[in-house]
Amino acid sequence: MTRRNVTIADASSDGGGKAWLVGCGPGDVELLTLKAVKLIKAAEVILYDDLGTEAAVQEFASATAVKEYVGKRGGQKSMVQAEIDALLVRYCLQGKQVVRLKGGCPSVFSRGSSEIAALTQAGITLELVPGVSSALAAPLLAGFPLTDAHVGRSFAVTSAHDPGSIEWTAFRGVDTLVLLMSGRSLPQIVDGLLTNGWAPDTPVAIVRFAGLPEQATWMAELDTIMEATKDAGSLSPCVTVIGQFLPKRQWHAMPSHGG
């Protein structure tokens, strides 16, 4: 069921509804939190994203629950954020118990602030439920930690959805940079970092479909990663990790692409 051109003003209140903004993790249902599973099972309405959430809905949602797919993958057709906000408000004001299921964690690039503002403005009770962010999960799922006591003691996370807006100089001094929504912007990422002083031999890992059966990993250096992924096809969705996160002597133990 899909609704279009909905505004918050369309909603009429029957009272008693509540919303939960729930993190679904990177995609593997075994990485869901116990609280997320409990809420999905109990929900009367579930609004779910593209990345990693459909399996959770299929496995745990009640047969009687209303389930609405709202998209939200970059570069593909999705319901606009204002419509999602309005649907949340509409269902809650009808007295429904609504789970807004998000890939990863609601705290990381999830448009959660917009939904929180809409629900708060409408006087609706809401709860935020953490999930496992792909920024933290993807490195481990690919076989390496995000930090290392000797080669990488700090990291920063940013979105590469709009690489032209990134202030690359802000990441000077950070050992490791984690880029989400980076699959379509790898050339701009490489150029931006090389132009701003990152060494050409800086290690790079790209993890596509982290935690899912089709997961694939590419390991290279900043000046060779484009060549290493030239036959990969679309890299989306992926997490890109750049920096001193793993001694190069351990690269041979890493899973290769397609693994």
C-alpha atoms as a PDB file:
ATOM      1  CA  MET A   1       0.000   0.000   0.000  1.00  0.00           C
ATOM      2  CA  THR A   2       1.480   3.331  -1.085  1.00  0.00           C
ATOM      3  CA  ARG A   3       0.290   6.859  -0.409  1.00  0.00           C
ATOM      4  CA  ARG A   4       1.483   9.964  -2.200  1.00  0.00           C
ATOM      5  CA  ASN A   5       1.114  13.701  -1.671  1.00  0.00           C
ATOM      6  CA  VAL A   6       0.378  13.284   2.027  1.00  0.00           C
ATOM      7  CA  THR A   7       0.889  16.166   4.444  1.00  0.00           C
ATOM      8  CA  ILE A   8       0.879  16.222   8.211  1.00  0.00           C
ATOM      9  CA  ALA A   9      -2.199  18.458   8.092  1.00  0.00           C
ATOM     10  CA  ASP A  10      -4.158  15.543   6.555  1.00  0.00           C
ATOM     11  CA  ALA A  11      -4.046  13.574   9.800  1.00  0.00           C
ATOM     12  CA  SER A  12      -7.006  13.391  12.173  1.00  0.00           C
ATOM     13  CA  SER A  13      -6.493  12.295  15.776  1.00  0.00           C
ATOM     14  CA  ASP A  14      -8.099   9.301  17.451  1.00  0.00           C
ATOM     15  CA  GLY A  15      -5.430   9.364  20.214  1.00  0.00           C
ATOM     16  CA  GLY A  16      -3.329   6.651  21.839  1.00  0.00           C
ATOM     17  CA  GLY A  17      -0.734   6.076  19.143  1.00  0.00           C
ATOM     18  CA  LYS A  18       2.995   5.827  19.629  1.00  0.00           C
ATOM     19  CA  ALA A  19       6.021   5.662  17.320  1.00  0.00           C
ATOM     20  CA  TRP A  20       9.288   3.804  17.675  1.00  0.00           C
ATOM     21  CA  LEU A  21      12.241   4.716  15.443  1.00  0.00           C
ATOM     22  CA  VAL A  22      14.059   1.394  15.375  1.00  0.00           C
ATOM     23  CA  GLY A  23      17.516   0.524  14.055  1.00  0.00           C
ATOM     24  CA  CYS A  24      17.550  -2.674  12.013  1.00  0.00           C
ATOM     25  CA  GLY A  25      21.314  -3.089  11.750  1.00  0.00           C
ATOM     26  CA  PRO A  26      23.239  -3.800   8.539  1.00  0.00           C
ATOM     27  CA  GLY A  27      20.848  -6.418   7.168  1.00  0.00           C
ATOM     28  CA  ASP A  28      21.425  -9.791   8.798  1.00  0.00           C
ATOM     29  CA  VAL A  29      18.371 -10.500  10.989  1.00  0.00           C
ATOM     30  CA  GLU A  30      20.656 -12.222  13.500  1.00  0.00           C
ATOM     31  CA  LEU A  31      22.186  -8.805  14.213  1.00  0.00           C
ATOM     32  CA  LEU A  32      18.862  -7.295  15.283  1.00  0.00           C
ATOM     33  CA  THR A  33      18.587  -6.334  18.924  1.00  0.00           C
ATOM     34  CA  LEU A  34      16.115  -8.229  21.083  1.00  0.00           C
ATOM     35  CA  LYS A  35      14.154  -5.014  21.544  1.00  0.00           C
ATOM     36  CA  ALA A  36      13.895  -4.502  17.789  1.00  0.00           C
ATOM     37  CA  VAL A  37      12.500  -8.019  17.326  1.00  0.00           C
ATOM     38  CA  LYS A  38       9.986  -7.498  20.125  1.00  0.00           C
ATOM     39  CA  LEU A  39       8.775  -4.209  18.643  1.00  0.00           C
ATOM     40  CA  ILE A  40       8.507  -5.561  15.089  1.00  0.00           C
ATOM     41  CA  LYS A  41       6.391  -8.470  16.338  1.00  0.00           C
ATOM     42  CA  ALA A  42       4.062  -6.164  18.256  1.00  0.00           C
ATOM     43  CA  ALA A  43       3.737  -3.352  15.704  1.00  0.00           C
ATOM     44  CA  GLU A  44       0.388  -2.550  14.144  1.00  0.00           C
ATOM     45  CA  VAL A  45       2.100  -0.519  11.396  1.00  0.00           C
ATOM     46  CA  ILE A  46       5.647  -0.831  10.041  1.00  0.00           C
ATOM     47  CA  LEU A  47       7.217   1.739   7.714  1.00  0.00           C
ATOM     48  CA  TYR A  48      10.466   0.231   6.477  1.00  0.00           C
ATOM     49  CA  ASP A  49      13.463   1.338   4.430  1.00  0.00           C
ATOM     50  CA  ASP A  50      15.273  -0.352   1.589  1.00  0.00           C
ATOM     51  CA  LEU A  51      18.527  -1.398   3.191  1.00  0.00           C
ATOM     52  CA  GLY A  52      18.435  -4.483   5.358  1.00  0.00           C
ATOM     53  CA  THR A  53      14.927  -4.106   6.749  1.00  0.00           C
ATOM     54  CA  GLU A  54      12.690  -6.211   4.510  1.00  0.00           C
ATOM     55  CA  ALA A  55      14.043  -9.518   5.833  1.00  0.00           C
ATOM     56  CA  ALA A  56      13.230  -8.450   9.376  1.00  0.00           C
ATOM     57  CA  VAL A  57       9.697  -7.491   8.357  1.00  0.00           C
ATOM     58  CA  GLN A  58       9.169 -10.790   6.566  1.00  0.00           C
ATOM     59  CA  GLU A  59      10.481 -12.860   9.449  1.00  0.00           C
ATOM     60  CA  PHE A  60       9.023 -11.124  12.488  1.00  0.00           C
ATOM     61  CA  ALA A  61       6.094  -8.858  11.581  1.00  0.00           C
ATOM     62  CA  SER A  62       2.553  -9.895  12.404  1.00  0.00           C
ATOM     63  CA  ALA A  63       0.440 -11.058   9.478  1.00  0.00           C
ATOM     64  CA  THR A  64      -2.117  -8.411  10.432  1.00  0.00           C
ATOM     65  CA  ALA A  65       0.348  -5.508  10.561  1.00  0.00           C
ATOM     66  CA  VAL A  66       0.212  -2.800   7.903  1.00  0.00           C
ATOM     67  CA  LYS A  67       3.565  -2.848   6.129  1.00  0.00           C
ATOM     68  CA  GLU A  68       4.612   0.083   3.966  1.00  0.00           C
ATOM     69  CA  TYR A  69       7.861   0.231   2.015  1.00  0.00           C
ATOM     70  CA  VAL A  70       9.216   3.782   1.824  1.00  0.00           C
ATOM     71  CA  GLY A  71      12.460   3.227  -0.068  1.00  0.00           C
ATOM     72  CA  LYS A  72      15.323   5.559   0.893  1.00  0.00           C
ATOM     73  CA  ARG A  73      18.188   4.129  -1.145  1.00  0.00           C
ATOM     74  CA  GLY A  74      20.262   6.788  -2.870  1.00  0.00           C
ATOM     75  CA  GLY A  75      19.781   7.000  -6.610  1.00  0.00           C
ATOM     76  CA  GLN A  76      16.537   5.024  -6.600  1.00  0.00           C
ATOM     77  CA  LYS A  77      12.911   6.076  -6.426  1.00  0.00           C
ATOM     78  CA  SER A  78      11.775   6.623  -2.858  1.00  0.00           C
ATOM     79  CA  MET A  79       9.010   8.285  -0.933  1.00  0.00           C
ATOM     80  CA  VAL A  80      10.137  11.807  -0.062  1.00  0.00           C
ATOM     81  CA  GLN A  81      10.917  12.500   3.578  1.00  0.00           C
ATOM     82  CA  ALA A  82       7.957  14.840   4.115  1.00  0.00           C
ATOM     83  CA  GLU A  83       5.596  12.047   3.058  1.00  0.00           C
ATOM     84  CA  ILE A  84       7.226   9.595   5.446  1.00  0.00           C
ATOM     85  CA  ASP A  85       6.912  12.119   8.278  1.00  0.00           C
ATOM     86  CA  ALA A  86       3.238  12.588   7.442  1.00  0.00           C
ATOM     87  CA  LEU A  87       2.515   8.856   7.346  1.00  0.00           C
ATOM     88  CA  LEU A  88       4.101   8.406  10.751  1.00  0.00           C
ATOM     89  CA  VAL A  89       1.950  11.168  12.182  1.00  0.00           C
ATOM     90  CA  ARG A  90      -1.208   9.969  10.445  1.00  0.00           C
ATOM     91  CA  TYR A  91      -0.975   6.413  11.734  1.00  0.00           C
ATOM     92  CA  CYS A  92      -0.063   7.489  15.262  1.00  0.00           C
ATOM     93  CA  LEU A  93      -2.947   9.940  15.411  1.00  0.00           C
ATOM     94  CA  GLN A  94      -5.219   7.058  14.420  1.00  0.00           C
ATOM     95  CA  GLY A  95      -4.115   5.354  17.622  1.00  0.00           C
ATOM     96  CA  LYS A  96      -1.712   2.885  15.984  1.00  0.00           C
ATOM     97  CA  GLN A  97       1.476   1.461  17.435  1.00  0.00           C
ATOM     98  CA  VAL A  98       3.934   2.350  14.667  1.00  0.00           C
ATOM     99  CA  VAL A  99       7.472   1.082  14.089  1.00  0.00           C
ATOM    100  CA  ARG A 100       9.618   3.126  11.737  1.00  0.00           C
ATOM    101  CA  LEU A 101      12.248   0.560  10.767  1.00  0.00           C
ATOM    102  CA  LYS A 102      15.570   1.952   9.584  1.00  0.00           C
ATOM    103  CA  GLY A 103      18.671   0.273   8.250  1.00  0.00           C
ATOM    104  CA  GLY A 104      21.658   0.606  10.552  1.00  0.00           C
ATOM    105  CA  CYS A 105      21.060   2.907  13.517  1.00  0.00           C
ATOM    106  CA  PRO A 106      18.610   5.835  13.676  1.00  0.00           C
ATOM    107  CA  SER A 107      21.421   8.008  15.032  1.00  0.00           C
ATOM    108  CA  VAL A 108      23.514   7.853  11.834  1.00  0.00           C
ATOM    109  CA  PHE A 109      22.354   9.577   8.614  1.00  0.00           C
ATOM    110  CA  SER A 110      18.802   8.262   8.887  1.00  0.00           C
ATOM    111  CA  ARG A 111      16.751  11.478   8.559  1.00  0.00           C
ATOM    112  CA  GLY A 112      15.658  10.749  12.091  1.00  0.00           C
ATOM    113  CA  SER A 113      15.658  14.407  13.085  1.00  0.00           C
ATOM    114  CA  SER A 114      12.918  15.182  10.559  1.00  0.00           C
ATOM    115  CA  GLU A 115      10.713  12.374  11.837  1.00  0.00           C
ATOM    116  CA  ILE A 116      11.330  13.271  15.477  1.00  0.00           C
ATOM    117  CA  ALA A 117      10.389  16.878  14.779  1.00  0.00           C
ATOM    118  CA  ALA A 118       7.164  15.903  12.978  1.00  0.00           C
ATOM    119  CA  LEU A 119       6.090  13.524  15.718  1.00  0.00           C
ATOM    120  CA  THR A 120       6.964  15.957  18.491  1.00  0.00           C
ATOM    121  CA  GLN A 121       5.106  18.788  16.782  1.00  0.00           C
ATOM    122  CA  ALA A 122       2.017  16.568  16.590  1.00  0.00           C
ATOM    123  CA  GLY A 123       2.273  15.711  20.299  1.00  0.00           C
ATOM    124  CA  ILE A 124       2.965  12.031  19.675  1.00  0.00           C
ATOM    125  CA  THR A 125       4.919   9.882  22.109  1.00  0.00           C
ATOM    126  CA  LEU A 126       8.012   8.380  20.527  1.00  0.00           C
ATOM    127  CA  GLU A 127      10.944   6.212  21.453  1.00  0.00           C
ATOM    128  CA  LEU A 128      14.349   5.848  19.797  1.00  0.00           C
ATOM    129  CA  VAL A 129      15.802   2.346  19.607  1.00  0.00           C
ATOM    130  CA  PRO A 130      19.483   1.949  18.667  1.00  0.00           C
ATOM    131  CA  GLY A 131      20.674  -0.495  16.048  1.00  0.00           C
ATOM    132  CA  VAL A 132      24.054  -1.691  14.820  1.00  0.00           C
ATOM    133  CA  SER A 133      25.402   0.934  12.422  1.00  0.00           C
ATOM    134  CA  SER A 134      27.029  -0.326   9.231  1.00  0.00           C
ATOM    135  CA  ALA A 135      29.847   2.139   9.928  1.00  0.00           C
ATOM    136  CA  LEU A 136      30.878  -0.062  12.840  1.00  0.00           C
ATOM    137  CA  ALA A 137      29.650  -3.434  11.585  1.00  0.00           C
ATOM    138  CA  ALA A 138      31.053  -3.484   8.038  1.00  0.00           C
ATOM    139  CA  PRO A 139      34.742  -3.586   9.032  1.00  0.00           C
ATOM    140  CA  LEU A 140      34.174  -6.463  11.456  1.00  0.00           C
ATOM    141  CA  LEU A 141      32.017  -8.344   8.981  1.00  0.00           C
ATOM    142  CA  ALA A 142      34.830  -7.960   6.450  1.00  0.00           C
ATOM    143  CA  GLY A 143      37.334  -9.357   8.920  1.00  0.00           C
ATOM    144  CA  PHE A 144      39.097  -6.421  10.554  1.00  0.00           C
ATOM    145  CA  PRO A 145      38.554  -4.012  13.471  1.00  0.00           C
ATOM    146  CA  LEU A 146      37.952  -0.335  12.815  1.00  0.00           C
ATOM    147  CA  THR A 147      40.689   0.726  15.225  1.00  0.00           C
ATOM    148  CA  ASP A 148      44.080  -0.643  16.198  1.00  0.00           C
ATOM    149  CA  ALA A 149      46.170   0.283  19.215  1.00  0.00           C
ATOM    150  CA  HIS A 150      49.251   0.757  17.048  1.00  0.00           C
ATOM    151  CA  VAL A 151      48.154   1.950  13.586  1.00  0.00           C
ATOM    152  CA  GLY A 152      44.710   3.503  14.010  1.00  0.00           C
ATOM    153  CA  ARG A 153      43.518   5.096  17.241  1.00  0.00           C
ATOM    154  CA  SER A 154      40.885   7.456  15.873  1.00  0.00           C
ATOM    155  CA  PHE A 155      38.178   7.425  13.214  1.00  0.00           C
ATOM    156  CA  ALA A 156      35.584   9.746  11.729  1.00  0.00           C
ATOM    157  CA  VAL A 157      32.343   8.884   9.935  1.00  0.00           C
ATOM    158  CA  THR A 158      30.748  10.953   7.183  1.00  0.00           C
ATOM    159  CA  SER A 159      28.262  10.603   4.364  1.00  0.00           C
ATOM    160  CA  ALA A 160      29.569  10.628   0.798  1.00  0.00           C
ATOM    161  CA  HIS A 161      26.116  11.117  -0.705  1.00  0.00           C
ATOM    162  CA  ASP A 162      27.205  14.620  -1.809  1.00  0.00           C
ATOM    163  CA  PRO A 163      31.005  14.429  -2.072  1.00  0.00           C
ATOM    164  CA  GLY A 164      31.257  17.978  -3.401  1.00  0.00           C
ATOM    165  CA  SER A 165      30.092  19.307  -0.047  1.00  0.00           C
ATOM    166  CA  ILE A 166      32.689  17.457   2.035  1.00  0.00           C
ATOM    167  CA  GLU A 167      35.408  19.550   3.664  1.00  0.00           C
ATOM    168  CA  TRP A 168      38.221  17.057   3.198  1.00  0.00           C
ATOM    169  CA  THR A 169      40.640  19.192   5.191  1.00  0.00           C
ATOM    170  CA  ALA A 170      38.509  18.575   8.286  1.00  0.00           C
ATOM    171  CA  PHE A 171      39.789  14.993   8.402  1.00  0.00           C
ATOM    172  CA  ARG A 172      43.477  15.819   8.644  1.00  0.00           C
ATOM    173  CA  GLY A 173      44.857  14.113  11.717  1.00  0.00           C
ATOM    174  CA  VAL A 174      42.168  11.400  11.733  1.00  0.00           C
ATOM    175  CA  ASP A 175      43.698   7.949  11.379  1.00  0.00           C
ATOM    176  CA  THR A 176      40.747   6.344   9.613  1.00  0.00           C
ATOM    177  CA  LEU A 177      37.823   7.740   7.646  1.00  0.00           C
ATOM    178  CA  VAL A 178      34.585   5.784   7.229  1.00  0.00           C
ATOM    179  CA  LEU A 179      32.350   6.867   4.353  1.00  0.00           C
ATOM    180  CA  LEU A 180      28.725   5.800   4.077  1.00  0.00           C
ATOM    181  CA  MET A 181      26.677   6.103   0.880  1.00  0.00           C
ATOM    182  CA  SER A 182      29.967   6.071  -0.997  1.00  0.00           C
ATOM    183  CA  GLY A 183      29.370   3.615  -3.832  1.00  0.00           C
ATOM    184  CA  ARG A 184      28.636   6.146  -6.566  1.00  0.00           C
ATOM    185  CA  SER A 185      31.200   8.743  -5.505  1.00  0.00           C
ATOM    186  CA  LEU A 186      34.433   6.777  -5.221  1.00  0.00           C
ATOM    187  CA  PRO A 187      36.276   8.817  -7.891  1.00  0.00           C
ATOM    188  CA  GLN A 188      35.449  12.095  -6.098  1.00  0.00           C
ATOM    189  CA  ILE A 189      36.459  10.587  -2.759  1.00  0.00           C
ATOM    190  CA  VAL A 190      39.839   9.462  -4.069  1.00  0.00           C
ATOM    191  CA  ASP A 191      40.473  12.804  -5.754  1.00  0.00           C
ATOM    192  CA  GLY A 192      39.409  14.784  -2.692  1.00  0.00           C
ATOM    193  CA  LEU A 193      41.684  12.904  -0.328  1.00  0.00           C
ATOM    194  CA  LEU A 194      44.716  12.828  -2.614  1.00  0.00           C
ATOM    195  CA  THR A 195      44.310  16.537  -3.347  1.00  0.00           C
ATOM    196  CA  ASN A 196      44.205  17.266   0.377  1.00  0.00           C
ATOM    197  CA  GLY A 197      47.336  15.452   1.383  1.00  0.00           C
ATOM    198  CA  TRP A 198      46.383  11.845   2.065  1.00  0.00           C
ATOM    199  CA  ALA A 199      49.204   9.508   1.029  1.00  0.00           C
ATOM    200  CA  PRO A 200      48.644   7.533  -2.191  1.00  0.00           C
ATOM    201  CA  ASP A 201      49.500   4.276  -0.387  1.00  0.00           C
ATOM    202  CA  THR A 202      46.836   4.755   2.306  1.00  0.00           C
ATOM    203  CA  PRO A 203      44.919   1.462   2.737  1.00  0.00           C
ATOM    204  CA  VAL A 204      41.326   1.338   1.473  1.00  0.00           C
ATOM    205  CA  ALA A 205      38.652  -1.285   2.072  1.00  0.00           C
ATOM    206  CA  ILE A 206      35.275  -1.273   0.357  1.00  0.00           C
ATOM    207  CA  VAL A 207      32.624  -3.547   1.838  1.00  0.00           C
ATOM    208  CA  ARG A 208      29.501  -4.008  -0.280  1.00  0.00           C
ATOM    209  CA  PHE A 209      26.289  -5.540   1.150  1.00  0.00           C
ATOM    210  CA  ALA A 210      27.911  -5.950   4.562  1.00  0.00           C
ATOM    211  CA  GLY A 211      26.384  -8.811   6.519  1.00  0.00           C
ATOM    212  CA  LEU A 212      24.338 -10.187   3.645  1.00  0.00           C
ATOM    213  CA  PRO A 213      25.012 -13.365   1.635  1.00  0.00           C
ATOM    214  CA  GLU A 214      26.248 -11.311  -1.322  1.00  0.00           C
ATOM    215  CA  GLN A 215      28.815  -9.393   0.766  1.00  0.00           C
ATOM    216  CA  ALA A 216      31.977  -8.534  -1.145  1.00  0.00           C
ATOM    217  CA  THR A 217      35.198  -6.821  -0.031  1.00  0.00           C
ATOM    218  CA  TRP A 218      37.929  -5.058  -1.989  1.00  0.00           C
ATOM    219  CA  MET A 219      41.313  -4.146  -0.458  1.00  0.00           C
ATOM    220  CA  ALA A 220      43.722  -1.759  -2.171  1.00  0.00           C
ATOM    221  CA  GLU A 221      45.486   1.579  -1.698  1.00  0.00           C
ATOM    222  CA  LEU A 222      44.089   5.037  -2.286  1.00  0.00           C
ATOM    223  CA  ASP A 223      45.761   5.387  -5.669  1.00  0.00           C
ATOM    224  CA  THR A 224      44.874   1.837  -6.824  1.00  0.00           C
ATOM    225  CA  ILE A 225      41.335   1.327  -5.508  1.00  0.00           C
ATOM    226  CA  MET A 226      39.751   2.569  -8.740  1.00  0.00           C
ATOM    227  CA  GLU A 227      41.652  -0.036 -10.725  1.00  0.00           C
ATOM    228  CA  ALA A 228      40.832  -2.728  -8.139  1.00  0.00           C
ATOM    229  CA  THR A 229      37.096  -2.096  -8.459  1.00  0.00           C
ATOM    230  CA  LYS A 230      36.866  -1.405 -12.190  1.00  0.00           C
ATOM    231  CA  ASP A 231      35.043  -4.689 -12.863  1.00  0.00           C
ATOM    232  CA  ALA A 232      32.880  -4.590  -9.736  1.00  0.00           C
ATOM    233  CA  GLY A 233      29.809  -3.082 -11.318  1.00  0.00           C
ATOM    234  CA  SER A 234      27.729  -1.033  -8.913  1.00  0.00           C
ATOM    235  CA  LEU A 235      29.375  -0.694  -5.505  1.00  0.00           C
ATOM    236  CA  SER A 236      26.182   0.433  -3.796  1.00  0.00           C
ATOM    237  CA  PRO A 237      25.354  -0.085  -1.043  1.00  0.00           C
ATOM    238  CA  CYS A 238      28.802  -0.039   0.494  1.00  0.00           C
ATOM    239  CA  VAL A 239      30.926   1.231   3.341  1.00  0.00           C
ATOM    240  CA  THR A 240      34.350   2.613   2.430  1.00  0.00           C
ATOM    241  CA  VAL A 241      37.106   2.560   5.063  1.00  0.00           C
ATOM    242  CA  ILE A 242      40.224   4.611   4.378  1.00  0.00           C
ATOM    243  CA  GLY A 243      43.230   4.962   6.656  1.00  0.00           C
ATOM    244  CA  GLN A 244      45.519   3.203   9.080  1.00  0.00           C
ATOM    245  CA  PHE A 245      43.044   0.582  10.180  1.00  0.00           C
ATOM    246  CA  LEU A 246      44.944  -2.581   9.356  1.00  0.00           C
ATOM    247  CA  PRO A 247      48.645  -3.432   8.976  1.00  0.00           C
ATOM    248  CA  LYS A 248      49.341  -4.313   5.355  1.00  0.00           C
ATOM    249  CA  ARG A 249      51.001  -7.554   6.418  1.00  0.00           C
ATOM    250  CA  GLN A 250      47.509  -8.795   7.331  1.00  0.00           C
ATOM    251  CA  TRP A 251      45.924  -8.053   3.944  1.00  0.00           C
ATOM    252  CA  HIS A 252      46.577 -11.566   2.690  1.00  0.00           C
ATOM    253  CA  ALA A 253      44.234 -12.901   5.398  1.00  0.00           C
ATOM    254  CA  MET A 254      41.332 -10.693   4.270  1.00  0.00           C
ATOM    255  CA  PRO A 255      38.383 -12.093   2.313  1.00  0.00           C
ATOM    256  CA  SER A 256      38.628 -11.175  -1.357  1.00  0.00           C
ATOM    257  CA  HIS A 257      35.951  -9.529  -3.457  1.00  0.00           C
ATOM    258  CA  GLY A 258      33.070 -11.789  -4.238  1.00  0.00           C
ATOM    259  CA  GLY A 259      33.659 -13.620  -0.952  1.00  0.00           C
END
